[in-house]
PDB file of N, CA and C in Angstrom:
ATOM      1  N   MET A   1      17.510  10.470   1.038  1.00  0.00           N
ATOM      2  CA  MET A   1      17.780   8.919   0.757  1.00  0.00           C
ATOM      3  C   MET A   1      17.981   8.486   2.217  1.00  0.00           C
ATOM      4  N   SER A   2      19.030   9.022   3.104  1.00  0.00           N
ATOM      5  CA  SER A   2      19.338   7.810   4.404  1.00  0.00           C
ATOM      6  C   SER A   2      18.280   8.187   4.388  1.00  0.00           C
ATOM      7  N   SER A   3      17.219   8.365   4.761  1.00  0.00           N
ATOM      8  CA  SER A   3      15.806   7.988   5.089  1.00  0.00           C
ATOM      9  C   SER A   3      15.247   7.306   4.962  1.00  0.00           C
ATOM     10  N   LEU A   4      15.311   6.823   2.983  1.00  0.00           N
ATOM     11  CA  LEU A   4      14.834   5.999   2.708  1.00  0.00           C
ATOM     12  C   LEU A   4      15.860   4.651   3.158  1.00  0.00           C
ATOM     13  N   LEU A   5      16.658   4.632   2.846  1.00  0.00           N
ATOM     14  CA  LEU A   5      17.766   3.842   3.447  1.00  0.00           C
ATOM     15  C   LEU A   5      17.277   3.285   4.877  1.00  0.00           C
ATOM     16  N   THR A   6      17.348   3.806   5.922  1.00  0.00           N
ATOM     17  CA  THR A   6      16.771   3.163   7.192  1.00  0.00           C
ATOM     18  C   THR A   6      14.745   2.764   7.813  1.00  0.00           C
ATOM     19  N   ILE A   7      14.717   2.975   6.769  1.00  0.00           N
ATOM     20  CA  ILE A   7      13.503   2.430   6.765  1.00  0.00           C
ATOM     21  C   ILE A   7      13.492   0.536   5.362  1.00  0.00           C
ATOM     22  N   LEU A   8      13.642   0.632   4.600  1.00  0.00           N
ATOM     23  CA  LEU A   8      14.408   0.001   3.674  1.00  0.00           C
ATOM     24  C   LEU A   8      15.942  -1.509   3.870  1.00  0.00           C
ATOM     25  N   ILE A   9      16.681  -1.047   4.666  1.00  0.00           N
ATOM     26  CA  ILE A   9      17.736  -1.895   5.894  1.00  0.00           C
ATOM     27  C   ILE A   9      16.994  -2.775   6.842  1.00  0.00           C
ATOM     28  N   PRO A  10      16.159  -2.261   7.545  1.00  0.00           N
ATOM     29  CA  PRO A  10      15.538  -3.399   8.554  1.00  0.00           C
ATOM     30  C   PRO A  10      14.161  -4.081   7.857  1.00  0.00           C
ATOM     31  N   SER A  11      13.697  -3.547   7.346  1.00  0.00           N
ATOM     32  CA  SER A  11      12.562  -4.513   6.420  1.00  0.00           C
ATOM     33  C   SER A  11      13.314  -4.970   5.689  1.00  0.00           C
ATOM     34  N   LEU A  12      14.189  -5.268   5.133  1.00  0.00           N
ATOM     35  CA  LEU A  12      15.031  -6.837   4.251  1.00  0.00           C
ATOM     36  C   LEU A  12      15.878  -7.681   5.241  1.00  0.00           C
ATOM     37  N   ILE A  13      16.517  -7.361   5.868  1.00  0.00           N
ATOM     38  CA  ILE A  13      17.017  -7.447   7.249  1.00  0.00           C
ATOM     39  C   ILE A  13      16.457  -9.423   7.407  1.00  0.00           C
ATOM     40  N   PRO A  14      14.892  -9.230   7.579  1.00  0.00           N
ATOM     41  CA  PRO A  14      14.555 -11.066   7.253  1.00  0.00           C
ATOM     42  C   PRO A  14      14.657 -11.738   6.663  1.00  0.00           C
ATOM     43  N   ALA A  15      14.762 -11.160   5.685  1.00  0.00           N
ATOM     44  CA  ALA A  15      14.754 -11.279   3.954  1.00  0.00           C
ATOM     45  C   ALA A  15      16.499 -11.931   3.774  1.00  0.00           C
ATOM     46  N   MET A  16      16.812 -11.383   3.907  1.00  0.00           N
ATOM     47  CA  MET A  16      18.474 -11.267   3.723  1.00  0.00           C
ATOM     48  C   MET A  16      19.154 -12.588   4.325  1.00  0.00           C
ATOM     49  N   SER A  17      19.009 -12.497   5.475  1.00  0.00           N
ATOM     50  CA  SER A  17      19.322 -13.619   6.811  1.00  0.00           C
ATOM     51  C   SER A  17      18.833 -14.744   5.882  1.00  0.00           C
ATOM     52  N   ASP A  18      17.706 -14.990   5.529  1.00  0.00           N
ATOM     53  CA  ASP A  18      16.797 -15.564   5.337  1.00  0.00           C
ATOM     54  C   ASP A  18      17.633 -16.477   4.290  1.00  0.00           C
ATOM     55  N   ALA A  19      18.091 -16.042   2.731  1.00  0.00           N
ATOM     56  CA  ALA A  19      18.706 -16.224   1.262  1.00  0.00           C
ATOM     57  C   ALA A  19      19.584 -16.858   2.157  1.00  0.00           C
ATOM     58  N   VAL A  20      20.779 -16.465   2.741  1.00  0.00           N
ATOM     59  CA  VAL A  20      22.027 -16.661   4.255  1.00  0.00           C
ATOM     60  C   VAL A  20      22.095 -17.992   4.325  1.00  0.00           C
ATOM     61  N   ARG A  21      20.472 -17.937   4.852  1.00  0.00           N
ATOM     62  CA  ARG A  21      20.838 -19.379   5.559  1.00  0.00           C
ATOM     63  C   ARG A  21      20.732 -20.586   4.434  1.00  0.00           C
ATOM     64  N   GLY A  22      19.737 -20.030   3.177  1.00  0.00           N
ATOM     65  CA  GLY A  22      19.632 -21.392   2.392  1.00  0.00           C
ATOM     66  C   GLY A  22      20.564 -21.161   1.611  1.00  0.00           C
ATOM     67  N   LEU A  23      21.418 -20.276   1.816  1.00  0.00           N
ATOM     68  CA  LEU A  23      22.701 -20.487   0.620  1.00  0.00           C
ATOM     69  C   LEU A  23      24.018 -21.088   1.143  1.00  0.00           C
ATOM     70  N   VAL A  24      24.134 -20.409   2.699  1.00  0.00           N
ATOM     71  CA  VAL A  24      25.109 -22.043   2.892  1.00  0.00           C
ATOM     72  C   VAL A  24      24.099 -22.855   2.633  1.00  0.00           C
ATOM     73  N   ALA A  25      23.092 -23.743   3.810  1.00  0.00           N
ATOM     74  CA  ALA A  25      22.576 -24.810   3.111  1.00  0.00           C
ATOM     75  C   ALA A  25      22.815 -25.568   1.765  1.00  0.00           C
ATOM     76  N   ARG A  26      22.430 -25.132   0.919  1.00  0.00           N
ATOM     77  CA  ARG A  26      22.357 -25.007  -0.375  1.00  0.00           C
ATOM     78  C   ARG A  26      24.383 -25.841  -0.426  1.00  0.00           C
ATOM     79  N   ILE A  27      25.289 -25.255  -0.068  1.00  0.00           N
ATOM     80  CA  ILE A  27      27.014 -24.939  -0.536  1.00  0.00           C
ATOM     81  C   ILE A  27      26.981 -26.134   0.491  1.00  0.00           C
ATOM     82  N   SER A  28      26.669 -26.253   1.565  1.00  0.00           N
ATOM     83  CA  SER A  28      27.224 -27.369   3.110  1.00  0.00           C
ATOM     84  C   SER A  28      26.360 -28.670   2.760  1.00  0.00           C
ATOM     85  N   GLY A  29      25.174 -28.500   1.639  1.00  0.00           N
ATOM     86  CA  GLY A  29      24.691 -29.730   1.524  1.00  0.00           C
ATOM     87  C   GLY A  29      23.816 -30.383   2.632  1.00  0.00           C
ATOM     88  N   GLY A  30      23.578 -30.052   3.747  1.00  0.00           N
ATOM     89  CA  GLY A  30      22.658 -29.786   4.715  1.00  0.00           C
ATOM     90  C   GLY A  30      21.404 -29.624   4.749  1.00  0.00           C
ATOM     91  N   ALA A  31      20.891 -29.920   5.237  1.00  0.00           N
ATOM     92  CA  ALA A  31      18.526 -29.334   5.474  1.00  0.00           C
ATOM     93  C   ALA A  31      19.202 -28.695   7.297  1.00  0.00           C
ATOM     94  N   GLY A  32      20.082 -28.052   7.299  1.00  0.00           N
ATOM     95  CA  GLY A  32      20.411 -28.033   8.989  1.00  0.00           C
ATOM     96  C   GLY A  32      20.251 -28.827   9.946  1.00  0.00           C
ATOM     97  N   ALA A  33      19.103 -28.337  11.017  1.00  0.00           N
ATOM     98  CA  ALA A  33      19.688 -29.786  12.182  1.00  0.00           C
ATOM     99  C   ALA A  33      18.387 -30.278  11.572  1.00  0.00           C
ATOM    100  N   LEU A  34      17.713 -30.718  10.526  1.00  0.00           N
ATOM    101  CA  LEU A  34      16.595 -31.283  11.261  1.00  0.00           C
ATOM    102  C   LEU A  34      16.805 -33.317  11.388  1.00  0.00           C
ATOM    103  N   PRO A  35      15.489 -33.646  12.415  1.00  0.00           N
ATOM    104  CA  PRO A  35      15.780 -34.382  12.801  1.00  0.00           C
ATOM    105  C   PRO A  35      16.397 -35.732  11.682  1.00  0.00           C
ATOM    106  N   GLN A  36      16.740 -36.697  12.119  1.00  0.00           N
ATOM    107  CA  GLN A  36      16.671 -37.540  11.448  1.00  0.00           C
ATOM    108  C   GLN A  36      16.323 -39.401  11.228  1.00  0.00           C
ATOM    109  N   ASN A  37      15.337 -39.078  12.807  1.00  0.00           N
ATOM    110  CA  ASN A  37      14.524 -40.613  13.278  1.00  0.00           C
ATOM    111  C   ASN A  37      12.986 -39.559  13.907  1.00  0.00           C
ATOM    112  N   ILE A  38      12.177 -40.417  13.560  1.00  0.00           N
ATOM    113  CA  ILE A  38      10.883 -39.578  14.339  1.00  0.00           C
ATOM    114  C   ILE A  38      10.994 -39.502  16.274  1.00  0.00           C
ATOM    115  N   ASP A  39      11.698 -40.491  16.275  1.00  0.00           N
ATOM    116  CA  ASP A  39      12.169 -39.786  17.838  1.00  0.00           C
ATOM    117  C   ASP A  39      12.625 -39.104  17.968  1.00  0.00           C
ATOM    118  N   GLU A  40      13.811 -38.464  17.127  1.00  0.00           N
ATOM    119  CA  GLU A  40      14.260 -37.463  17.373  1.00  0.00           C
ATOM    120  C   GLU A  40      13.135 -35.724  16.531  1.00  0.00           C
ATOM    121  N   ARG A  41      12.547 -36.336  15.750  1.00  0.00           N
ATOM    122  CA  ARG A  41      11.031 -35.210  15.755  1.00  0.00           C
ATOM    123  C   ARG A  41      10.446 -35.397  17.060  1.00  0.00           C
ATOM    124  N   ILE A  42      10.573 -35.899  17.787  1.00  0.00           N
ATOM    125  CA  ILE A  42       9.289 -36.166  18.654  1.00  0.00           C
ATOM    126  C   ILE A  42       9.920 -35.482  19.826  1.00  0.00           C
ATOM    127  N   LYS A  43      11.657 -35.639  20.313  1.00  0.00           N
ATOM    128  CA  LYS A  43      11.879 -34.278  20.638  1.00  0.00           C
ATOM    129  C   LYS A  43      12.403 -33.196  20.603  1.00  0.00           C
ATOM    130  N   LEU A  44      12.217 -33.162  19.334  1.00  0.00           N
ATOM    131  CA  LEU A  44      12.752 -31.639  18.692  1.00  0.00           C
ATOM    132  C   LEU A  44      10.854 -30.828  18.763  1.00  0.00           C
ATOM    133  N   MET A  45       9.451 -31.474  19.138  1.00  0.00           N
ATOM    134  CA  MET A  45       8.494 -30.977  18.710  1.00  0.00           C
ATOM    135  C   MET A  45       8.396 -30.083  19.991  1.00  0.00           C
ATOM    136  N   GLN A  46       8.467 -31.648  20.885  1.00  0.00           N
ATOM    137  CA  GLN A  46       8.166 -30.951  22.926  1.00  0.00           C
ATOM    138  C   GLN A  46       9.062 -30.147  23.438  1.00  0.00           C
ATOM    139  N   ALA A  47      10.381 -30.330  22.583  1.00  0.00           N
ATOM    140  CA  ALA A  47      10.774 -28.719  22.954  1.00  0.00           C
ATOM    141  C   ALA A  47      10.302 -27.702  22.355  1.00  0.00           C
ATOM    142  N   ASP A  48       9.930 -27.379  21.198  1.00  0.00           N
ATOM    143  CA  ASP A  48       9.220 -26.393  20.703  1.00  0.00           C
ATOM    144  C   ASP A  48       8.322 -25.621  21.514  1.00  0.00           C
ATOM    145  N   VAL A  49       6.997 -27.267  22.013  1.00  0.00           N
ATOM    146  CA  VAL A  49       5.677 -27.284  22.884  1.00  0.00           C
ATOM    147  C   VAL A  49       6.395 -26.381  24.085  1.00  0.00           C
ATOM    148  N   GLU A  50       7.680 -26.903  24.460  1.00  0.00           N
ATOM    149  CA  GLU A  50       8.431 -26.452  26.631  1.00  0.00           C
ATOM    150  C   GLU A  50       8.619 -24.719  26.263  1.00  0.00           C
ATOM    151  N   LYS A  51       9.363 -24.411  24.401  1.00  0.00           N
ATOM    152  CA  LYS A  51       9.930 -23.094  24.673  1.00  0.00           C
ATOM    153  C   LYS A  51       8.276 -21.989  24.563  1.00  0.00           C
ATOM    154  N   LEU A  52       7.563 -22.787  23.834  1.00  0.00           N
ATOM    155  CA  LEU A  52       6.220 -21.688  23.610  1.00  0.00           C
ATOM    156  C   LEU A  52       5.470 -21.103  24.933  1.00  0.00           C
ATOM    157  N   LYS A  53       5.849 -22.675  25.583  1.00  0.00           N
ATOM    158  CA  LYS A  53       4.743 -22.538  27.165  1.00  0.00           C
ATOM    159  C   LYS A  53       5.979 -21.518  28.435  1.00  0.00           C
ATOM    160  N   ALA A  54       7.021 -21.300  27.753  1.00  0.00           N
ATOM    161  CA  ALA A  54       8.213 -20.812  28.753  1.00  0.00           C
ATOM    162  C   ALA A  54       8.211 -19.431  28.311  1.00  0.00           C
ATOM    163  N   LEU A  55       7.528 -19.038  27.290  1.00  0.00           N
ATOM    164  CA  LEU A  55       7.572 -17.807  26.427  1.00  0.00           C
ATOM    165  C   LEU A  55       6.233 -16.899  27.628  1.00  0.00           C
ATOM    166  N   ALA A  56       4.868 -17.554  26.638  1.00  0.00           N
ATOM    167  CA  ALA A  56       3.622 -17.602  27.085  1.00  0.00           C
ATOM    168  C   ALA A  56       3.728 -17.484  28.919  1.00  0.00           C
ATOM    169  N   GLN A  57       4.535 -17.930  29.538  1.00  0.00           N
ATOM    170  CA  GLN A  57       4.582 -17.825  31.336  1.00  0.00           C
ATOM    171  C   GLN A  57       5.446 -16.645  31.014  1.00  0.00           C
ATOM    172  N   LEU A  58       6.316 -16.125  30.861  1.00  0.00           N
ATOM    173  CA  LEU A  58       6.744 -14.797  30.584  1.00  0.00           C
ATOM    174  C   LEU A  58       5.875 -13.990  30.419  1.00  0.00           C
ATOM    175  N   ASP A  59       5.051 -13.767  29.886  1.00  0.00           N
ATOM    176  CA  ASP A  59       4.130 -12.802  29.366  1.00  0.00           C
ATOM    177  C   ASP A  59       3.028 -12.958  29.748  1.00  0.00           C
ATOM    178  N   THR A  60       2.854 -13.566  30.510  1.00  0.00           N
ATOM    179  CA  THR A  60       1.596 -13.727  31.149  1.00  0.00           C
ATOM    180  C   THR A  60       1.726 -12.731  32.427  1.00  0.00           C
ATOM    181  N   PRO A  61       0.312 -12.332  32.360  1.00  0.00           N
ATOM    182  CA  PRO A  61       0.986 -11.286  33.864  1.00  0.00           C
ATOM    183  C   PRO A  61      -0.036 -11.886  34.736  1.00  0.00           C
ATOM    184  N   SER A  62       0.288 -10.681  36.519  1.00  0.00           N
ATOM    185  CA  SER A  62      -0.158 -11.416  37.735  1.00  0.00           C
ATOM    186  C   SER A  62      -0.839 -11.680  37.497  1.00  0.00           C
ATOM    187  N   GLU A  63      -1.331 -12.594  38.686  1.00  0.00           N
ATOM    188  CA  GLU A  63      -2.824 -12.604  39.221  1.00  0.00           C
ATOM    189  C   GLU A  63      -4.136 -12.307  39.918  1.00  0.00           C
ATOM    190  N   ASN A  64      -2.854 -10.906  40.411  1.00  0.00           N
ATOM    191  CA  ASN A  64      -4.044  -9.660  40.599  1.00  0.00           C
ATOM    192  C   ASN A  64      -3.926  -8.403  39.765  1.00  0.00           C
ATOM    193  N   ILE A  65      -3.972  -8.363  38.601  1.00  0.00           N
ATOM    194  CA  ILE A  65      -4.265  -7.472  38.395  1.00  0.00           C
ATOM    195  C   ILE A  65      -5.259  -6.981  37.416  1.00  0.00           C
ATOM    196  N   SER A  66      -5.157  -5.285  37.877  1.00  0.00           N
ATOM    197  CA  SER A  66      -7.062  -5.296  36.939  1.00  0.00           C
ATOM    198  C   SER A  66      -6.861  -5.013  35.369  1.00  0.00           C
ATOM    199  N   PRO A  67      -8.265  -5.528  34.967  1.00  0.00           N
ATOM    200  CA  PRO A  67      -8.609  -5.560  33.829  1.00  0.00           C
ATOM    201  C   PRO A  67      -8.041  -4.840  32.424  1.00  0.00           C
ATOM    202  N   TRP A  68      -8.117  -3.790  32.947  1.00  0.00           N
ATOM    203  CA  TRP A  68      -8.170  -2.966  32.294  1.00  0.00           C
ATOM    204  C   TRP A  68      -6.747  -2.900  31.695  1.00  0.00           C
ATOM    205  N   VAL A  69      -6.046  -2.529  33.164  1.00  0.00           N
ATOM    206  CA  VAL A  69      -4.720  -2.605  32.916  1.00  0.00           C
ATOM    207  C   VAL A  69      -3.831  -3.895  32.221  1.00  0.00           C
ATOM    208  N   ALA A  70      -4.407  -5.108  32.489  1.00  0.00           N
ATOM    209  CA  ALA A  70      -4.064  -6.006  31.359  1.00  0.00           C
ATOM    210  C   ALA A  70      -4.326  -5.876  30.001  1.00  0.00           C
ATOM    211  N   ASP A  71      -5.036  -4.962  29.783  1.00  0.00           N
ATOM    212  CA  ASP A  71      -6.103  -4.905  28.008  1.00  0.00           C
ATOM    213  C   ASP A  71      -5.147  -3.478  27.626  1.00  0.00           C
ATOM    214  N   LEU A  72      -4.628  -2.775  28.247  1.00  0.00           N
ATOM    215  CA  LEU A  72      -3.757  -1.839  28.121  1.00  0.00           C
ATOM    216  C   LEU A  72      -1.680  -2.252  27.599  1.00  0.00           C
ATOM    217  N   ARG A  73      -1.975  -2.799  28.834  1.00  0.00           N
ATOM    218  CA  ARG A  73      -0.521  -3.752  28.843  1.00  0.00           C
ATOM    219  C   ARG A  73      -0.495  -4.460  26.734  1.00  0.00           C
ATOM    220  N   GLY A  74      -0.989  -5.329  26.869  1.00  0.00           N
ATOM    221  CA  GLY A  74      -1.766  -6.140  25.878  1.00  0.00           C
ATOM    222  C   GLY A  74      -1.486  -5.123  24.505  1.00  0.00           C
ATOM    223  N   SER A  75      -2.326  -3.847  24.208  1.00  0.00           N
ATOM    224  CA  SER A  75      -2.731  -2.831  23.150  1.00  0.00           C
ATOM    225  C   SER A  75      -1.237  -2.417  23.752  1.00  0.00           C
ATOM    226  N   PHE A  76      -0.236  -2.210  24.434  1.00  0.00           N
ATOM    227  CA  PHE A  76       0.094  -1.393  23.822  1.00  0.00           C
ATOM    228  C   PHE A  76       1.451  -0.520  22.768  1.00  0.00           C
ATOM    229  N   ARG A  77       1.947  -1.454  21.933  1.00  0.00           N
ATOM    230  CA  ARG A  77       2.592  -1.919  21.099  1.00  0.00           C
ATOM    231  C   ARG A  77       1.686  -1.080  20.354  1.00  0.00           C
ATOM    232  N   TYR A  78       0.822  -0.677  19.659  1.00  0.00           N
ATOM    233  CA  TYR A  78      -0.185  -0.984  19.088  1.00  0.00           C
ATOM    234  C   TYR A  78      -1.198   0.839  18.943  1.00  0.00           C
ATOM    235  N   LEU A  79      -0.986   1.124  20.232  1.00  0.00           N
ATOM    236  CA  LEU A  79      -0.874   2.047  20.553  1.00  0.00           C
ATOM    237  C   LEU A  79      -0.065   2.902  20.438  1.00  0.00           C
ATOM    238  N   ALA A  80       0.895   2.802  21.073  1.00  0.00           N
ATOM    239  CA  ALA A  80       2.330   3.160  20.243  1.00  0.00           C
ATOM    240  C   ALA A  80       2.353   3.526  19.168  1.00  0.00           C
ATOM    241  N   VAL A  81       2.664   2.393  18.172  1.00  0.00           N
ATOM    242  CA  VAL A  81       2.319   3.153  17.128  1.00  0.00           C
ATOM    243  C   VAL A  81       2.040   4.171  16.014  1.00  0.00           C
ATOM    244  N   SER A  82       0.471   3.743  17.072  1.00  0.00           N
ATOM    245  CA  SER A  82      -1.323   4.505  16.310  1.00  0.00           C
ATOM    246  C   SER A  82      -0.597   6.447  16.735  1.00  0.00           C
ATOM    247  N   ALA A  83      -0.209   6.629  18.031  1.00  0.00           N
ATOM    248  CA  ALA A  83       0.932   7.721  18.487  1.00  0.00           C
ATOM    249  C   ALA A  83       1.779   7.986  17.176  1.00  0.00           C
ATOM    250  N   ILE A  84       2.351   7.598  17.177  1.00  0.00           N
ATOM    251  CA  ILE A  84       4.014   7.494  16.351  1.00  0.00           C
ATOM    252  C   ILE A  84       3.019   8.001  14.903  1.00  0.00           C
ATOM    253  N   ILE A  85       2.084   7.422  14.611  1.00  0.00           N
ATOM    254  CA  ILE A  85       1.682   7.468  13.419  1.00  0.00           C
ATOM    255  C   ILE A  85       0.910   9.180  13.147  1.00  0.00           C
ATOM    256  N   LEU A  86       0.441   8.993  14.318  1.00  0.00           N
ATOM    257  CA  LEU A  86       0.053  10.456  14.316  1.00  0.00           C
ATOM    258  C   LEU A  86       0.541  11.666  14.391  1.00  0.00           C
ATOM    259  N   ALA A  87       1.985  11.485  14.523  1.00  0.00           N
ATOM    260  CA  ALA A  87       1.994  12.598  15.293  1.00  0.00           C
ATOM    261  C   ALA A  87       3.712  12.978  14.176  1.00  0.00           C
ATOM    262  N   THR A  88       3.577  12.096  13.423  1.00  0.00           N
ATOM    263  CA  THR A  88       4.199  12.361  11.845  1.00  0.00           C
ATOM    264  C   THR A  88       3.244  12.833  11.301  1.00  0.00           C
ATOM    265  N   LEU A  89       1.896  12.330  11.071  1.00  0.00           N
ATOM    266  CA  LEU A  89       0.836  13.274  10.251  1.00  0.00           C
ATOM    267  C   LEU A  89       0.601  14.467   9.950  1.00  0.00           C
ATOM    268  N   VAL A  90       0.201  15.351  12.099  1.00  0.00           N
ATOM    269  CA  VAL A  90       0.581  16.362  12.476  1.00  0.00           C
ATOM    270  C   VAL A  90       1.913  17.140  11.970  1.00  0.00           C
ATOM    271  N   GLY A  91       2.877  16.126  12.043  1.00  0.00           N
ATOM    272  CA  GLY A  91       4.495  17.013  11.530  1.00  0.00           C
ATOM    273  C   GLY A  91       4.383  17.310  10.621  1.00  0.00           C
ATOM    274  N   VAL A  92       3.867  17.001   9.237  1.00  0.00           N
ATOM    275  CA  VAL A  92       3.940  16.708   8.671  1.00  0.00           C
ATOM    276  C   VAL A  92       2.996  17.914   7.854  1.00  0.00           C
ATOM    277  N   PHE A  93       1.882  17.863   8.365  1.00  0.00           N
ATOM    278  CA  PHE A  93       0.310  19.304   7.682  1.00  0.00           C
ATOM    279  C   PHE A  93       1.410  20.804   8.493  1.00  0.00           C
ATOM    280  N   ALA A  94       2.420  20.396   9.625  1.00  0.00           N
ATOM    281  CA  ALA A  94       2.069  21.286  10.300  1.00  0.00           C
ATOM    282  C   ALA A  94       3.647  22.027  10.106  1.00  0.00           C
ATOM    283  N   GLU A  95       4.034  21.331   8.944  1.00  0.00           N
ATOM    284  CA  GLU A  95       5.676  22.067   8.424  1.00  0.00           C
ATOM    285  C   GLU A  95       6.417  22.330   9.332  1.00  0.00           C
ATOM    286  N   ILE A  96       6.512  20.688  10.596  1.00  0.00           N
ATOM    287  CA  ILE A  96       7.482  21.368  11.638  1.00  0.00           C
ATOM    288  C   ILE A  96       9.007  21.042  10.230  1.00  0.00           C
ATOM    289  N   ASP A  97       9.799  21.387  11.990  1.00  0.00           N
ATOM    290  CA  ASP A  97      11.584  21.384  11.413  1.00  0.00           C
ATOM    291  C   ASP A  97      12.042  20.431  10.049  1.00  0.00           C
ATOM    292  N   LYS A  98      12.103  20.364   9.097  1.00  0.00           N
ATOM    293  CA  LYS A  98      12.764  19.139   8.566  1.00  0.00           C
ATOM    294  C   LYS A  98      13.794  18.025   9.865  1.00  0.00           C
ATOM    295  N   ALA A  99      14.657  18.244   9.674  1.00  0.00           N
ATOM    296  CA  ALA A  99      15.033  17.735  11.302  1.00  0.00           C
ATOM    297  C   ALA A  99      13.677  16.766  11.507  1.00  0.00           C
ATOM    298  N   ALA A 100      13.412  17.131  12.332  1.00  0.00           N
ATOM    299  CA  ALA A 100      12.272  16.723  13.103  1.00  0.00           C
ATOM    300  C   ALA A 100      11.328  15.481  12.710  1.00  0.00           C
ATOM    301  N   LEU A 101      10.689  16.502  11.709  1.00  0.00           N
ATOM    302  CA  LEU A 101      10.321  15.871  10.599  1.00  0.00           C
ATOM    303  C   LEU A 101      10.832  14.397  10.003  1.00  0.00           C
ATOM    304  N   ALA A 102      12.296  14.593   9.843  1.00  0.00           N
ATOM    305  CA  ALA A 102      12.867  13.327   9.735  1.00  0.00           C
ATOM    306  C   ALA A 102      12.649  12.453  10.467  1.00  0.00           C
ATOM    307  N   VAL A 103      13.033  13.115  12.375  1.00  0.00           N
ATOM    308  CA  VAL A 103      12.251  10.969  12.746  1.00  0.00           C
ATOM    309  C   VAL A 103      11.566  10.404  12.679  1.00  0.00           C
ATOM    310  N   LEU A 104      10.466  11.296  12.525  1.00  0.00           N
ATOM    311  CA  LEU A 104       9.650  10.598  12.971  1.00  0.00           C
ATOM    312  C   LEU A 104       8.965  10.134  12.151  1.00  0.00           C
ATOM    313  N   LEU A 105       9.009  10.298  10.723  1.00  0.00           N
ATOM    314  CA  LEU A 105       9.247   9.919   8.873  1.00  0.00           C
ATOM    315  C   LEU A 105      10.059   8.300   9.363  1.00  0.00           C
ATOM    316  N   ASP A 106      10.945   8.374  10.370  1.00  0.00           N
ATOM    317  CA  ASP A 106      12.089   7.122  10.111  1.00  0.00           C
ATOM    318  C   ASP A 106      11.079   6.287  11.087  1.00  0.00           C
ATOM    319  N   LEU A 107      10.766   6.882  12.506  1.00  0.00           N
ATOM    320  CA  LEU A 107       9.911   6.479  13.151  1.00  0.00           C
ATOM    321  C   LEU A 107       8.256   5.639  12.583  1.00  0.00           C
ATOM    322  N   SER A 108       7.926   6.685  11.983  1.00  0.00           N
ATOM    323  CA  SER A 108       6.928   5.642  11.438  1.00  0.00           C
ATOM    324  C   SER A 108       6.764   4.384  10.216  1.00  0.00           C
ATOM    325  N   GLY A 109       8.268   4.695   9.522  1.00  0.00           N
ATOM    326  CA  GLY A 109       8.711   3.454   8.649  1.00  0.00           C
ATOM    327  C   GLY A 109       8.636   2.329   9.322  1.00  0.00           C
ATOM    328  N   ALA A 110       9.964   2.363  10.347  1.00  0.00           N
ATOM    329  CA  ALA A 110       9.752   1.140  11.296  1.00  0.00           C
ATOM    330  C   ALA A 110       8.713   0.988  11.935  1.00  0.00           C
ATOM    331  N   SER A 111       7.476   1.868  12.668  1.00  0.00           N
ATOM    332  CA  SER A 111       6.672   1.530  13.645  1.00  0.00           C
ATOM    333  C   SER A 111       5.346   0.719  12.749  1.00  0.00           C
ATOM    334  N   MET A 112       5.766   1.215  10.903  1.00  0.00           N
ATOM    335  CA  MET A 112       4.761   0.072   9.595  1.00  0.00           C
ATOM    336  C   MET A 112       4.815  -1.339   9.528  1.00  0.00           C
ATOM    337  N   SER A 113       6.624  -1.456   9.513  1.00  0.00           N
ATOM    338  CA  SER A 113       7.374  -2.265   9.652  1.00  0.00           C
ATOM    339  C   SER A 113       7.657  -3.311   9.882  1.00  0.00           C
ATOM    340  N   PHE A 114       7.111  -2.989  11.824  1.00  0.00           N
ATOM    341  CA  PHE A 114       7.016  -3.768  12.456  1.00  0.00           C
ATOM    342  C   PHE A 114       5.359  -4.340  12.742  1.00  0.00           C
ATOM    343  N   ILE A 115       4.342  -3.755  12.238  1.00  0.00           N
ATOM    344  CA  ILE A 115       3.181  -4.153  11.922  1.00  0.00           C
ATOM    345  C   ILE A 115       2.639  -5.103  10.877  1.00  0.00           C
ATOM    346  N   ILE A 116       3.568  -4.165   9.636  1.00  0.00           N
ATOM    347  CA  ILE A 116       3.001  -5.044   8.565  1.00  0.00           C
ATOM    348  C   ILE A 116       4.235  -5.565   7.997  1.00  0.00           C
ATOM    349  N   GLY A 117       5.177  -5.648   7.776  1.00  0.00           N
ATOM    350  CA  GLY A 117       6.705  -6.034   7.628  1.00  0.00           C
ATOM    351  C   GLY A 117       6.288  -7.829   7.731  1.00  0.00           C
ATOM    352  N   GLU A 118       6.667  -8.196   8.757  1.00  0.00           N
ATOM    353  CA  GLU A 118       6.895  -9.416   9.347  1.00  0.00           C
ATOM    354  C   GLU A 118       5.652 -10.171   8.633  1.00  0.00           C
ATOM    355  N   ARG A 119       4.699  -9.597   9.129  1.00  0.00           N
ATOM    356  CA  ARG A 119       3.361 -10.285   8.819  1.00  0.00           C
ATOM    357  C   ARG A 119       3.212 -10.649   6.642  1.00  0.00           C
ATOM    358  N   MET A 120       3.636  -9.459   6.277  1.00  0.00           N
ATOM    359  CA  MET A 120       3.778  -9.697   5.145  1.00  0.00           C
ATOM    360  C   MET A 120       4.953 -10.754   4.195  1.00  0.00           C
ATOM    361  N   TYR A 121       5.981 -10.727   5.164  1.00  0.00           N
ATOM    362  CA  TYR A 121       7.735 -11.552   4.308  1.00  0.00           C
ATOM    363  C   TYR A 121       6.985 -12.574   4.960  1.00  0.00           C
ATOM    364  N   LEU A 122       6.126 -13.463   6.188  1.00  0.00           N
ATOM    365  CA  LEU A 122       5.997 -15.041   6.248  1.00  0.00           C
ATOM    366  C   LEU A 122       5.322 -15.076   5.647  1.00  0.00           C
ATOM    367  N   ARG A 123       4.034 -14.492   5.288  1.00  0.00           N
ATOM    368  CA  ARG A 123       3.197 -14.778   3.735  1.00  0.00           C
ATOM    369  C   ARG A 123       3.718 -14.554   2.286  1.00  0.00           C
ATOM    370  N   ILE A 124       5.152 -14.192   2.076  1.00  0.00           N
ATOM    371  CA  ILE A 124       5.618 -13.960   0.885  1.00  0.00           C
ATOM    372  C   ILE A 124       5.816 -15.705   0.813  1.00  0.00           C
ATOM    373  N   LYS A 125       7.147 -16.243   1.765  1.00  0.00           N
ATOM    374  CA  LYS A 125       7.778 -17.494   1.754  1.00  0.00           C
ATOM    375  C   LYS A 125       6.746 -18.223   2.284  1.00  0.00           C
ATOM    376  N   ALA A 126       5.399 -18.204   2.859  1.00  0.00           N
ATOM    377  CA  ALA A 126       4.426 -19.190   2.587  1.00  0.00           C
ATOM    378  C   ALA A 126       4.330 -19.962   1.291  1.00  0.00           C
TER     379      ALA A 126
END
């Protein structure tokens, strides 16, 4: 049961926080920090663009990086998730220790939540 909770709770946190935010907005009668006029809207959009530029600059590799290193760096998350899922499948079929298998199943659940959960929640919300 606790193994199931370790998978469900992280996947429900975005939905719960969004629900709390919506509840606070409904109770307070406000819509959050929305711009009140076109100038504020433009400033907000410019701030969003600057934020995205800063994030892109942080994520950009250095100039003299080898192409295979850049490719590995970009795909590392998905390779790590694949390795976790493969190790879990091997653990299930090899009938390893139950405690180790529980850890692998928790890691697999978190990994799948990373890949599928956020995109699914954004699609449901839209």
